[in-house]
């Protein structure tokens, strides 16, 4: 695909990322369009779309997560949740990231395998086992989306902070600024964002599969 005529804002990081990916696709949807990526099972809705057309289109992608910015589209989905978008106004607030290293092992699951094909993954280990991961799955011209995953048995150890700080500093050195998106009910992610110095700037809506 090619570049899209959308501003380079936090709410459109995934849209730009899909448009920049040769495996992404675009489809017209009543008054607007959808940008989709089947490997990521993600669809971003753009424009003043007709809710009925969106509901019909959604039925063709039951396993995909949909992102949208317009409140009137809630009725097109069985359920949706609000995600708060954050940016980092002061990079000096990032804590030390001692203990994080670049992950070089075979990825343990499909999601990390997909992420590894798109860029570096930072990891932290517990008893010799990779237990926390941070990576940037989507980029726009100047921004990137932060993704952090900590295995259940290693949570509450501060590993998410360590790997996120390392990955963010690495991406900043490459000329990209971070965007942190968190479901408003995900208090752990919201607390981690605040601990790293992120501040809320926008919101989008997420309709899960």
C-alpha atoms as a PDB file:
ATOM      1  CA  UNK A   1       0.000   0.000   0.000  1.00  0.00           C
ATOM      2  CA  UNK A   2       0.982   3.655  -0.164  1.00  0.00           C
ATOM      3  CA  UNK A   3       0.856   6.640   2.187  1.00  0.00           C
ATOM      4  CA  UNK A   4      -2.598   7.799   3.254  1.00  0.00           C
ATOM      5  CA  UNK A   5      -4.008  11.290   3.646  1.00  0.00           C
ATOM      6  CA  UNK A   6      -4.360  11.220   7.414  1.00  0.00           C
ATOM      7  CA  UNK A   7      -2.577  13.481   9.896  1.00  0.00           C
ATOM      8  CA  UNK A   8       0.357  12.009  11.755  1.00  0.00           C
ATOM      9  CA  UNK A   9      -1.460  11.864  15.092  1.00  0.00           C
ATOM     10  CA  UNK A  10      -1.578   9.235  17.875  1.00  0.00           C
ATOM     11  CA  UNK A  11      -5.066   8.049  16.838  1.00  0.00           C
ATOM     12  CA  UNK A  12      -3.795   7.133  13.365  1.00  0.00           C
ATOM     13  CA  UNK A  13      -0.563   5.265  14.158  1.00  0.00           C
ATOM     14  CA  UNK A  14      -2.071   1.874  13.275  1.00  0.00           C
ATOM     15  CA  UNK A  15      -3.703   3.299  10.139  1.00  0.00           C
ATOM     16  CA  UNK A  16      -0.375   4.637   8.909  1.00  0.00           C
ATOM     17  CA  UNK A  17       1.334   1.394   9.886  1.00  0.00           C
ATOM     18  CA  UNK A  18      -1.113  -0.702   7.892  1.00  0.00           C
ATOM     19  CA  UNK A  19      -0.869   1.628   4.901  1.00  0.00           C
ATOM     20  CA  UNK A  20       2.934   1.372   4.954  1.00  0.00           C
ATOM     21  CA  UNK A  21       2.825  -2.440   5.078  1.00  0.00           C
ATOM     22  CA  UNK A  22       2.791  -4.232   1.698  1.00  0.00           C
ATOM     23  CA  UNK A  23       0.464  -6.888   3.148  1.00  0.00           C
ATOM     24  CA  UNK A  24      -2.102  -4.353   4.335  1.00  0.00           C
ATOM     25  CA  UNK A  25      -5.306  -3.701   2.421  1.00  0.00           C
ATOM     26  CA  UNK A  26      -7.888  -0.961   1.913  1.00  0.00           C
ATOM     27  CA  UNK A  27     -11.614  -1.357   1.263  1.00  0.00           C
ATOM     28  CA  UNK A  28     -14.420   1.165   0.771  1.00  0.00           C
ATOM     29  CA  UNK A  29     -17.084   1.133   3.497  1.00  0.00           C
ATOM     30  CA  UNK A  30     -20.202   3.350   3.209  1.00  0.00           C
ATOM     31  CA  UNK A  31     -18.898   6.918   3.242  1.00  0.00           C
ATOM     32  CA  UNK A  32     -15.356   6.048   4.267  1.00  0.00           C
ATOM     33  CA  UNK A  33     -12.918   3.171   4.167  1.00  0.00           C
ATOM     34  CA  UNK A  34     -11.247   0.442   6.182  1.00  0.00           C
ATOM     35  CA  UNK A  35      -7.537  -0.275   6.445  1.00  0.00           C
ATOM     36  CA  UNK A  36      -6.871  -3.877   7.359  1.00  0.00           C
ATOM     37  CA  UNK A  37      -4.072  -6.292   8.148  1.00  0.00           C
ATOM     38  CA  UNK A  38      -4.970  -9.970   8.236  1.00  0.00           C
ATOM     39  CA  UNK A  39      -1.816 -11.222   9.968  1.00  0.00           C
ATOM     40  CA  UNK A  40      -2.437  -8.773  12.819  1.00  0.00           C
ATOM     41  CA  UNK A  41      -6.221  -9.325  12.575  1.00  0.00           C
ATOM     42  CA  UNK A  42      -6.716  -5.572  12.779  1.00  0.00           C
ATOM     43  CA  UNK A  43      -8.999  -3.131  10.942  1.00  0.00           C
ATOM     44  CA  UNK A  44      -8.987   0.667  11.298  1.00  0.00           C
ATOM     45  CA  UNK A  45     -12.097   2.573  10.190  1.00  0.00           C
ATOM     46  CA  UNK A  46     -11.614   5.999   8.610  1.00  0.00           C
ATOM     47  CA  UNK A  47     -14.094   8.693   7.591  1.00  0.00           C
ATOM     48  CA  UNK A  48     -17.767   9.431   8.196  1.00  0.00           C
ATOM     49  CA  UNK A  49     -18.982   5.894   7.739  1.00  0.00           C
ATOM     50  CA  UNK A  50     -22.556   4.676   7.702  1.00  0.00           C
ATOM     51  CA  UNK A  51     -23.152   2.516  10.815  1.00  0.00           C
ATOM     52  CA  UNK A  52     -25.222  -0.023   8.874  1.00  0.00           C
ATOM     53  CA  UNK A  53     -22.497  -0.422   6.262  1.00  0.00           C
ATOM     54  CA  UNK A  54     -19.929  -0.868   9.025  1.00  0.00           C
ATOM     55  CA  UNK A  55     -22.026  -3.585  10.702  1.00  0.00           C
ATOM     56  CA  UNK A  56     -22.314  -5.448   7.417  1.00  0.00           C
ATOM     57  CA  UNK A  57     -18.602  -5.082   6.710  1.00  0.00           C
ATOM     58  CA  UNK A  58     -17.724  -6.256  10.214  1.00  0.00           C
ATOM     59  CA  UNK A  59     -19.614  -9.504   9.650  1.00  0.00           C
ATOM     60  CA  UNK A  60     -17.002 -10.455   7.069  1.00  0.00           C
ATOM     61  CA  UNK A  61     -14.159 -10.113   9.601  1.00  0.00           C
ATOM     62  CA  UNK A  62     -15.417 -11.729  12.828  1.00  0.00           C
ATOM     63  CA  UNK A  63     -11.899 -12.539  14.082  1.00  0.00           C
ATOM     64  CA  UNK A  64     -10.496  -9.030  13.590  1.00  0.00           C
ATOM     65  CA  UNK A  65     -10.237  -6.242  16.134  1.00  0.00           C
ATOM     66  CA  UNK A  66     -11.684  -2.959  14.863  1.00  0.00           C
ATOM     67  CA  UNK A  67     -10.467   0.515  15.806  1.00  0.00           C
ATOM     68  CA  UNK A  68     -12.659   3.569  15.265  1.00  0.00           C
ATOM     69  CA  UNK A  69     -12.892   7.178  16.402  1.00  0.00           C
ATOM     70  CA  UNK A  70     -16.567   8.059  15.840  1.00  0.00           C
ATOM     71  CA  UNK A  71     -19.046   7.538  18.682  1.00  0.00           C
ATOM     72  CA  UNK A  72     -21.953   6.787  16.348  1.00  0.00           C
ATOM     73  CA  UNK A  73     -20.324   3.520  15.285  1.00  0.00           C
ATOM     74  CA  UNK A  74     -20.839   1.818  18.662  1.00  0.00           C
ATOM     75  CA  UNK A  75     -24.072   0.265  17.479  1.00  0.00           C
ATOM     76  CA  UNK A  76     -22.232  -1.458  14.626  1.00  0.00           C
ATOM     77  CA  UNK A  77     -20.508  -3.792  17.093  1.00  0.00           C
ATOM     78  CA  UNK A  78     -21.667  -6.192  19.785  1.00  0.00           C
ATOM     79  CA  UNK A  79     -19.316  -4.489  22.222  1.00  0.00           C
ATOM     80  CA  UNK A  80     -16.574  -1.893  22.244  1.00  0.00           C
ATOM     81  CA  UNK A  81     -14.328  -0.249  24.817  1.00  0.00           C
ATOM     82  CA  UNK A  82     -12.597   3.102  25.066  1.00  0.00           C
ATOM     83  CA  UNK A  83      -8.805   3.228  24.855  1.00  0.00           C
ATOM     84  CA  UNK A  84      -6.871   6.198  26.186  1.00  0.00           C
ATOM     85  CA  UNK A  85      -3.956   7.365  24.031  1.00  0.00           C
ATOM     86  CA  UNK A  86      -0.889   8.866  25.676  1.00  0.00           C
ATOM     87  CA  UNK A  87       2.277  10.606  24.543  1.00  0.00           C
ATOM     88  CA  UNK A  88       5.546  11.259  26.370  1.00  0.00           C
ATOM     89  CA  UNK A  89       6.174  15.014  26.751  1.00  0.00           C
ATOM     90  CA  UNK A  90       9.478  14.649  28.585  1.00  0.00           C
ATOM     91  CA  UNK A  91      11.756  11.744  27.675  1.00  0.00           C
ATOM     92  CA  UNK A  92      13.909  12.470  30.713  1.00  0.00           C
ATOM     93  CA  UNK A  93      11.161  10.971  32.876  1.00  0.00           C
ATOM     94  CA  UNK A  94      11.975   7.496  31.555  1.00  0.00           C
ATOM     95  CA  UNK A  95      13.516   5.343  34.297  1.00  0.00           C
ATOM     96  CA  UNK A  96      16.685   3.331  34.054  1.00  0.00           C
ATOM     97  CA  UNK A  97      16.341   0.227  31.927  1.00  0.00           C
ATOM     98  CA  UNK A  98      19.199  -1.844  33.298  1.00  0.00           C
ATOM     99  CA  UNK A  99      18.360  -5.515  32.837  1.00  0.00           C
ATOM    100  CA  UNK A 100      16.672  -5.207  29.439  1.00  0.00           C
ATOM    101  CA  UNK A 101      18.345  -6.853  26.457  1.00  0.00           C
ATOM    102  CA  UNK A 102      17.533  -7.402  22.825  1.00  0.00           C
ATOM    103  CA  UNK A 103      15.604 -10.643  22.407  1.00  0.00           C
ATOM    104  CA  UNK A 104      17.429 -13.013  20.053  1.00  0.00           C
ATOM    105  CA  UNK A 105      15.802 -16.377  20.811  1.00  0.00           C
ATOM    106  CA  UNK A 106      13.162 -18.067  18.633  1.00  0.00           C
ATOM    107  CA  UNK A 107       9.866 -16.295  19.437  1.00  0.00           C
ATOM    108  CA  UNK A 108       7.707 -18.387  21.802  1.00  0.00           C
ATOM    109  CA  UNK A 109       4.388 -17.571  20.099  1.00  0.00           C
ATOM    110  CA  UNK A 110       2.872 -16.294  16.859  1.00  0.00           C
ATOM    111  CA  UNK A 111       2.416 -12.725  18.098  1.00  0.00           C
ATOM    112  CA  UNK A 112       6.067 -12.318  19.018  1.00  0.00           C
ATOM    113  CA  UNK A 113       7.136 -14.025  15.794  1.00  0.00           C
ATOM    114  CA  UNK A 114       5.124 -11.442  13.874  1.00  0.00           C
ATOM    115  CA  UNK A 115       6.611  -8.629  15.956  1.00  0.00           C
ATOM    116  CA  UNK A 116      10.146  -9.932  15.462  1.00  0.00           C
ATOM    117  CA  UNK A 117       9.687  -9.691  11.709  1.00  0.00           C
ATOM    118  CA  UNK A 118       8.829  -5.995  12.081  1.00  0.00           C
ATOM    119  CA  UNK A 119      11.602  -4.787  14.346  1.00  0.00           C
ATOM    120  CA  UNK A 120      13.627  -5.401  17.496  1.00  0.00           C
ATOM    121  CA  UNK A 121      12.094  -6.846  20.648  1.00  0.00           C
ATOM    122  CA  UNK A 122      13.444  -5.943  24.072  1.00  0.00           C
ATOM    123  CA  UNK A 123      13.190  -8.495  26.850  1.00  0.00           C
ATOM    124  CA  UNK A 124      13.925  -9.076  30.532  1.00  0.00           C
ATOM    125  CA  UNK A 125      14.661 -12.455  32.086  1.00  0.00           C
ATOM    126  CA  UNK A 126      13.665 -14.184  35.315  1.00  0.00           C
ATOM    127  CA  UNK A 127      15.708 -17.248  36.259  1.00  0.00           C
ATOM    128  CA  UNK A 128      17.021 -17.473  32.718  1.00  0.00           C
ATOM    129  CA  UNK A 129      13.573 -17.321  31.091  1.00  0.00           C
ATOM    130  CA  UNK A 130      12.455 -14.427  28.913  1.00  0.00           C
ATOM    131  CA  UNK A 131       9.502 -13.063  30.880  1.00  0.00           C
ATOM    132  CA  UNK A 132       8.783  -9.546  29.585  1.00  0.00           C
ATOM    133  CA  UNK A 133       8.788  -8.129  26.086  1.00  0.00           C
ATOM    134  CA  UNK A 134       8.448  -4.688  24.510  1.00  0.00           C
ATOM    135  CA  UNK A 135       8.232  -3.895  20.815  1.00  0.00           C
ATOM    136  CA  UNK A 136       6.803  -1.404  18.339  1.00  0.00           C
ATOM    137  CA  UNK A 137       4.388  -3.167  15.987  1.00  0.00           C
ATOM    138  CA  UNK A 138       3.173  -0.050  14.145  1.00  0.00           C
ATOM    139  CA  UNK A 139       4.892   3.104  12.915  1.00  0.00           C
ATOM    140  CA  UNK A 140       3.665   6.307  11.329  1.00  0.00           C
ATOM    141  CA  UNK A 141       6.111   8.827   9.810  1.00  0.00           C
ATOM    142  CA  UNK A 142       7.024  10.200  13.261  1.00  0.00           C
ATOM    143  CA  UNK A 143       5.326   7.979  15.861  1.00  0.00           C
ATOM    144  CA  UNK A 144       5.262   4.376  17.045  1.00  0.00           C
ATOM    145  CA  UNK A 145       2.864   2.269  19.063  1.00  0.00           C
ATOM    146  CA  UNK A 146       4.195   0.819  22.315  1.00  0.00           C
ATOM    147  CA  UNK A 147       3.415  -2.842  23.006  1.00  0.00           C
ATOM    148  CA  UNK A 148       4.417  -4.500  26.292  1.00  0.00           C
ATOM    149  CA  UNK A 149       3.750  -8.076  27.353  1.00  0.00           C
ATOM    150  CA  UNK A 150       4.731  -9.660  30.674  1.00  0.00           C
ATOM    151  CA  UNK A 151       4.093 -13.343  31.293  1.00  0.00           C
ATOM    152  CA  UNK A 152       1.596 -13.927  34.150  1.00  0.00           C
ATOM    153  CA  UNK A 153       4.083 -15.409  36.609  1.00  0.00           C
ATOM    154  CA  UNK A 154       6.441 -12.432  36.310  1.00  0.00           C
ATOM    155  CA  UNK A 155       4.035  -9.539  36.787  1.00  0.00           C
ATOM    156  CA  UNK A 156       4.385  -7.001  39.612  1.00  0.00           C
ATOM    157  CA  UNK A 157       8.189  -7.235  39.370  1.00  0.00           C
ATOM    158  CA  UNK A 158       8.764  -4.026  37.436  1.00  0.00           C
ATOM    159  CA  UNK A 159       9.824  -5.856  34.286  1.00  0.00           C
ATOM    160  CA  UNK A 160       7.309  -4.013  32.099  1.00  0.00           C
ATOM    161  CA  UNK A 161       8.874  -0.711  33.117  1.00  0.00           C
ATOM    162  CA  UNK A 162      12.368  -1.951  32.285  1.00  0.00           C
ATOM    163  CA  UNK A 163      11.623  -3.341  28.830  1.00  0.00           C
ATOM    164  CA  UNK A 164       9.316  -0.463  27.872  1.00  0.00           C
ATOM    165  CA  UNK A 165      11.948   2.124  28.794  1.00  0.00           C
ATOM    166  CA  UNK A 166      14.612   0.286  26.795  1.00  0.00           C
ATOM    167  CA  UNK A 167      12.423  -0.078  23.710  1.00  0.00           C
ATOM    168  CA  UNK A 168      11.235   3.544  23.852  1.00  0.00           C
ATOM    169  CA  UNK A 169      14.775   4.891  24.100  1.00  0.00           C
ATOM    170  CA  UNK A 170      15.790   2.707  21.170  1.00  0.00           C
ATOM    171  CA  UNK A 171      12.927   4.003  19.019  1.00  0.00           C
ATOM    172  CA  UNK A 172      13.561   7.614  20.048  1.00  0.00           C
ATOM    173  CA  UNK A 173      17.116   7.198  18.778  1.00  0.00           C
ATOM    174  CA  UNK A 174      15.619   6.118  15.446  1.00  0.00           C
ATOM    175  CA  UNK A 175      13.578   9.326  15.256  1.00  0.00           C
ATOM    176  CA  UNK A 176      10.167   8.079  16.408  1.00  0.00           C
ATOM    177  CA  UNK A 177       8.115   9.293  19.385  1.00  0.00           C
ATOM    178  CA  UNK A 178       6.028   6.845  21.463  1.00  0.00           C
ATOM    179  CA  UNK A 179       2.253   6.478  21.670  1.00  0.00           C
ATOM    180  CA  UNK A 180       0.824   4.442  24.537  1.00  0.00           C
ATOM    181  CA  UNK A 181      -2.709   3.109  24.129  1.00  0.00           C
ATOM    182  CA  UNK A 182      -4.495   1.483  27.051  1.00  0.00           C
ATOM    183  CA  UNK A 183      -8.030   0.208  27.505  1.00  0.00           C
ATOM    184  CA  UNK A 184      -9.612   2.431  30.153  1.00  0.00           C
ATOM    185  CA  UNK A 185     -10.321  -0.680  32.254  1.00  0.00           C
ATOM    186  CA  UNK A 186      -6.700  -1.865  32.103  1.00  0.00           C
ATOM    187  CA  UNK A 187      -5.501  -0.181  35.274  1.00  0.00           C
ATOM    188  CA  UNK A 188      -2.140  -1.931  35.143  1.00  0.00           C
ATOM    189  CA  UNK A 189      -1.340  -0.498  31.727  1.00  0.00           C
ATOM    190  CA  UNK A 190      -2.559   2.957  32.735  1.00  0.00           C
ATOM    191  CA  UNK A 191      -0.393   2.897  35.870  1.00  0.00           C
ATOM    192  CA  UNK A 192       2.635   1.792  33.882  1.00  0.00           C
ATOM    193  CA  UNK A 193       2.083   4.591  31.364  1.00  0.00           C
ATOM    194  CA  UNK A 194       1.939   7.140  34.188  1.00  0.00           C
ATOM    195  CA  UNK A 195       5.045   5.677  35.826  1.00  0.00           C
ATOM    196  CA  UNK A 196       6.949   6.154  32.570  1.00  0.00           C
ATOM    197  CA  UNK A 197       5.825   9.775  32.286  1.00  0.00           C
ATOM    198  CA  UNK A 198       3.089   9.446  29.672  1.00  0.00           C
ATOM    199  CA  UNK A 199       0.101  11.819  29.655  1.00  0.00           C
ATOM    200  CA  UNK A 200      -3.327  11.277  28.078  1.00  0.00           C
ATOM    201  CA  UNK A 201      -3.935  13.205  24.841  1.00  0.00           C
ATOM    202  CA  UNK A 202      -6.737  11.440  22.934  1.00  0.00           C
ATOM    203  CA  UNK A 203      -8.984   8.383  22.795  1.00  0.00           C
ATOM    204  CA  UNK A 204     -10.182   5.777  20.329  1.00  0.00           C
ATOM    205  CA  UNK A 205     -12.631   2.889  20.506  1.00  0.00           C
ATOM    206  CA  UNK A 206     -11.786  -0.796  20.233  1.00  0.00           C
ATOM    207  CA  UNK A 207     -14.235  -3.485  19.129  1.00  0.00           C
ATOM    208  CA  UNK A 208     -12.739  -6.920  19.893  1.00  0.00           C
ATOM    209  CA  UNK A 209     -13.434 -10.041  17.838  1.00  0.00           C
END
